[in-house]
Each structure stands twice: as C-alpha cells, then as structure tokens.
C-alpha cells in the first residue's frame, strides 16, 4: 500500500513540475531561454517511460509520464514554432 501511495505522490509531483513552465510559455509566448536539447531529451525520456509503464501495466508511471509527455511536448512544440505561430497558439490558450 505504501508503494502505491509513494508512486502516485511521485507522479503528482513530477507532473506538477512541468506546469509552471507551460503556463509561463502560454502567458509570455516566449521560449528563448528554454534549452532545445534538454526538451528533446526530456520528451524522448517521457515517451520511453510511458511505453515502459504501459508494457509493465504500472499505472502511476503511465499516468504521470503521459501527462508529463503532453506538457513537455507542448513546451518543445512551442520552442520549435516560429515566433508568429507561437504567439497565435499562446493567444488561443489565453496567453
């Protein structure tokens, strides 16, 4: 039981850690200071952890890494978009 609680706590904290950056990108529309290399590695890692979690049927891993993949993937996409497109996306999301 303690392992399950620890797993869900870790999942919640991991997921929450990407939310402030995603919100900042939406609000400002800026990604200049975000490391492209770091987000390429992070997105790849979350995709691998998600696949691992699915294969092992470890739902805390699936849940947390699925959400983290979505958030970090969004940040990576915003980093890769031209400034005009990035501002449009941020504007459409309330930025």
C-alpha atoms as a PDB file:
ATOM      1  CA  UNK A   1       0.000   0.000   0.000  1.00  0.00           C
ATOM      2  CA  UNK A   2       2.822   2.420   0.844  1.00  0.00           C
ATOM      3  CA  UNK A   3       4.431   1.756  -2.550  1.00  0.00           C
ATOM      4  CA  UNK A   4       1.226   2.717  -4.336  1.00  0.00           C
ATOM      5  CA  UNK A   5       0.874   5.928  -2.339  1.00  0.00           C
ATOM      6  CA  UNK A   6       4.515   6.770  -2.985  1.00  0.00           C
ATOM      7  CA  UNK A   7       4.069   6.079  -6.700  1.00  0.00           C
ATOM      8  CA  UNK A   8       1.049   8.368  -7.001  1.00  0.00           C
ATOM      9  CA  UNK A   9       2.763  11.075  -4.935  1.00  0.00           C
ATOM     10  CA  UNK A  10       5.820  10.940  -7.186  1.00  0.00           C
ATOM     11  CA  UNK A  11       3.531  11.011 -10.230  1.00  0.00           C
ATOM     12  CA  UNK A  12       1.703  14.094  -8.979  1.00  0.00           C
ATOM     13  CA  UNK A  13       4.927  15.949  -8.167  1.00  0.00           C
ATOM     14  CA  UNK A  14       6.567  15.044 -11.488  1.00  0.00           C
ATOM     15  CA  UNK A  15       3.528  16.187 -13.399  1.00  0.00           C
ATOM     16  CA  UNK A  16       3.221  19.413 -11.443  1.00  0.00           C
ATOM     17  CA  UNK A  17       6.871  20.272 -12.096  1.00  0.00           C
ATOM     18  CA  UNK A  18       6.225  20.990 -15.800  1.00  0.00           C
ATOM     19  CA  UNK A  19       3.055  23.010 -15.330  1.00  0.00           C
ATOM     20  CA  UNK A  20       4.730  26.311 -14.313  1.00  0.00           C
ATOM     21  CA  UNK A  21       6.944  26.295 -17.435  1.00  0.00           C
ATOM     22  CA  UNK A  22       3.992  25.517 -19.707  1.00  0.00           C
ATOM     23  CA  UNK A  23       1.949  28.318 -18.106  1.00  0.00           C
ATOM     24  CA  UNK A  24       4.871  30.746 -18.476  1.00  0.00           C
ATOM     25  CA  UNK A  25       5.209  29.905 -22.173  1.00  0.00           C
ATOM     26  CA  UNK A  26       1.476  30.444 -22.682  1.00  0.00           C
ATOM     27  CA  UNK A  27       1.482  33.760 -20.800  1.00  0.00           C
ATOM     28  CA  UNK A  28       4.602  35.213 -22.384  1.00  0.00           C
ATOM     29  CA  UNK A  29       4.705  33.432 -25.735  1.00  0.00           C
ATOM     30  CA  UNK A  30       8.494  33.351 -25.297  1.00  0.00           C
ATOM     31  CA  UNK A  31      10.807  30.339 -25.341  1.00  0.00           C
ATOM     32  CA  UNK A  32      14.193  31.931 -25.969  1.00  0.00           C
ATOM     33  CA  UNK A  33      15.700  30.810 -22.663  1.00  0.00           C
ATOM     34  CA  UNK A  34      14.402  27.242 -22.887  1.00  0.00           C
ATOM     35  CA  UNK A  35      17.003  24.628 -23.808  1.00  0.00           C
ATOM     36  CA  UNK A  36      16.054  22.795 -27.005  1.00  0.00           C
ATOM     37  CA  UNK A  37      18.429  19.919 -26.231  1.00  0.00           C
ATOM     38  CA  UNK A  38      17.025  19.457 -22.742  1.00  0.00           C
ATOM     39  CA  UNK A  39      13.445  19.289 -24.008  1.00  0.00           C
ATOM     40  CA  UNK A  40      14.350  16.908 -26.839  1.00  0.00           C
ATOM     41  CA  UNK A  41      15.871  14.557 -24.265  1.00  0.00           C
ATOM     42  CA  UNK A  42      13.014  15.060 -21.808  1.00  0.00           C
ATOM     43  CA  UNK A  43      10.278  14.343 -24.356  1.00  0.00           C
ATOM     44  CA  UNK A  44      12.140  11.241 -25.528  1.00  0.00           C
ATOM     45  CA  UNK A  45      12.588  10.055 -21.939  1.00  0.00           C
ATOM     46  CA  UNK A  46       8.914  10.555 -21.087  1.00  0.00           C
ATOM     47  CA  UNK A  47       7.872   8.672 -24.220  1.00  0.00           C
ATOM     48  CA  UNK A  48      10.144   5.783 -23.209  1.00  0.00           C
ATOM     49  CA  UNK A  49       8.865   5.795 -19.606  1.00  0.00           C
ATOM     50  CA  UNK A  50       5.291   5.890 -20.873  1.00  0.00           C
ATOM     51  CA  UNK A  51       5.925   2.873 -23.110  1.00  0.00           C
ATOM     52  CA  UNK A  52       7.632   1.067 -20.233  1.00  0.00           C
ATOM     53  CA  UNK A  53       4.729   1.814 -17.903  1.00  0.00           C
ATOM     54  CA  UNK A  54       2.212   0.554 -20.449  1.00  0.00           C
ATOM     55  CA  UNK A  55       4.175  -2.649 -21.019  1.00  0.00           C
ATOM     56  CA  UNK A  56       4.535  -3.248 -17.275  1.00  0.00           C
ATOM     57  CA  UNK A  57       0.958  -2.093 -16.534  1.00  0.00           C
ATOM     58  CA  UNK A  58       2.283   0.315 -13.937  1.00  0.00           C
ATOM     59  CA  UNK A  59      -0.491   2.890 -13.891  1.00  0.00           C
ATOM     60  CA  UNK A  60       1.281   5.559 -11.809  1.00  0.00           C
ATOM     61  CA  UNK A  61       4.053   5.529 -14.450  1.00  0.00           C
ATOM     62  CA  UNK A  62       1.536   5.648 -17.287  1.00  0.00           C
ATOM     63  CA  UNK A  63      -0.454   8.491 -15.759  1.00  0.00           C
ATOM     64  CA  UNK A  64       2.437  10.699 -14.704  1.00  0.00           C
ATOM     65  CA  UNK A  65       4.570  10.146 -17.783  1.00  0.00           C
ATOM     66  CA  UNK A  66       1.600  10.576 -20.106  1.00  0.00           C
ATOM     67  CA  UNK A  67       0.805  13.968 -18.615  1.00  0.00           C
ATOM     68  CA  UNK A  68       4.493  14.950 -18.436  1.00  0.00           C
ATOM     69  CA  UNK A  69       4.917  13.917 -22.073  1.00  0.00           C
ATOM     70  CA  UNK A  70       1.987  16.105 -23.063  1.00  0.00           C
ATOM     71  CA  UNK A  71       3.281  19.124 -21.101  1.00  0.00           C
ATOM     72  CA  UNK A  72       6.915  18.799 -22.143  1.00  0.00           C
ATOM     73  CA  UNK A  73       5.840  18.014 -25.715  1.00  0.00           C
ATOM     74  CA  UNK A  74       3.806  21.223 -25.734  1.00  0.00           C
ATOM     75  CA  UNK A  75       6.802  23.207 -24.480  1.00  0.00           C
ATOM     76  CA  UNK A  76       9.034  21.591 -27.113  1.00  0.00           C
ATOM     77  CA  UNK A  77       6.495  22.335 -29.847  1.00  0.00           C
ATOM     78  CA  UNK A  78       6.315  25.956 -28.726  1.00  0.00           C
ATOM     79  CA  UNK A  79      10.127  26.139 -28.767  1.00  0.00           C
ATOM     80  CA  UNK A  80      10.208  24.830 -32.339  1.00  0.00           C
ATOM     81  CA  UNK A  81       7.437  27.058 -33.704  1.00  0.00           C
ATOM     82  CA  UNK A  82       8.260  30.389 -35.331  1.00  0.00           C
ATOM     83  CA  UNK A  83       7.501  33.378 -33.090  1.00  0.00           C
ATOM     84  CA  UNK A  84       4.364  34.359 -35.010  1.00  0.00           C
ATOM     85  CA  UNK A  85       2.840  30.880 -34.723  1.00  0.00           C
ATOM     86  CA  UNK A  86       3.909  30.600 -31.080  1.00  0.00           C
ATOM     87  CA  UNK A  87       2.123  33.866 -30.251  1.00  0.00           C
ATOM     88  CA  UNK A  88      -1.044  32.633 -32.006  1.00  0.00           C
ATOM     89  CA  UNK A  89      -1.028  29.381 -30.029  1.00  0.00           C
ATOM     90  CA  UNK A  90      -0.351  31.224 -26.763  1.00  0.00           C
ATOM     91  CA  UNK A  91      -3.126  33.697 -27.563  1.00  0.00           C
ATOM     92  CA  UNK A  92      -5.608  30.940 -28.309  1.00  0.00           C
ATOM     93  CA  UNK A  93      -4.797  29.368 -24.919  1.00  0.00           C
ATOM     94  CA  UNK A  94      -5.380  32.572 -23.005  1.00  0.00           C
ATOM     95  CA  UNK A  95      -1.865  34.000 -23.064  1.00  0.00           C
END
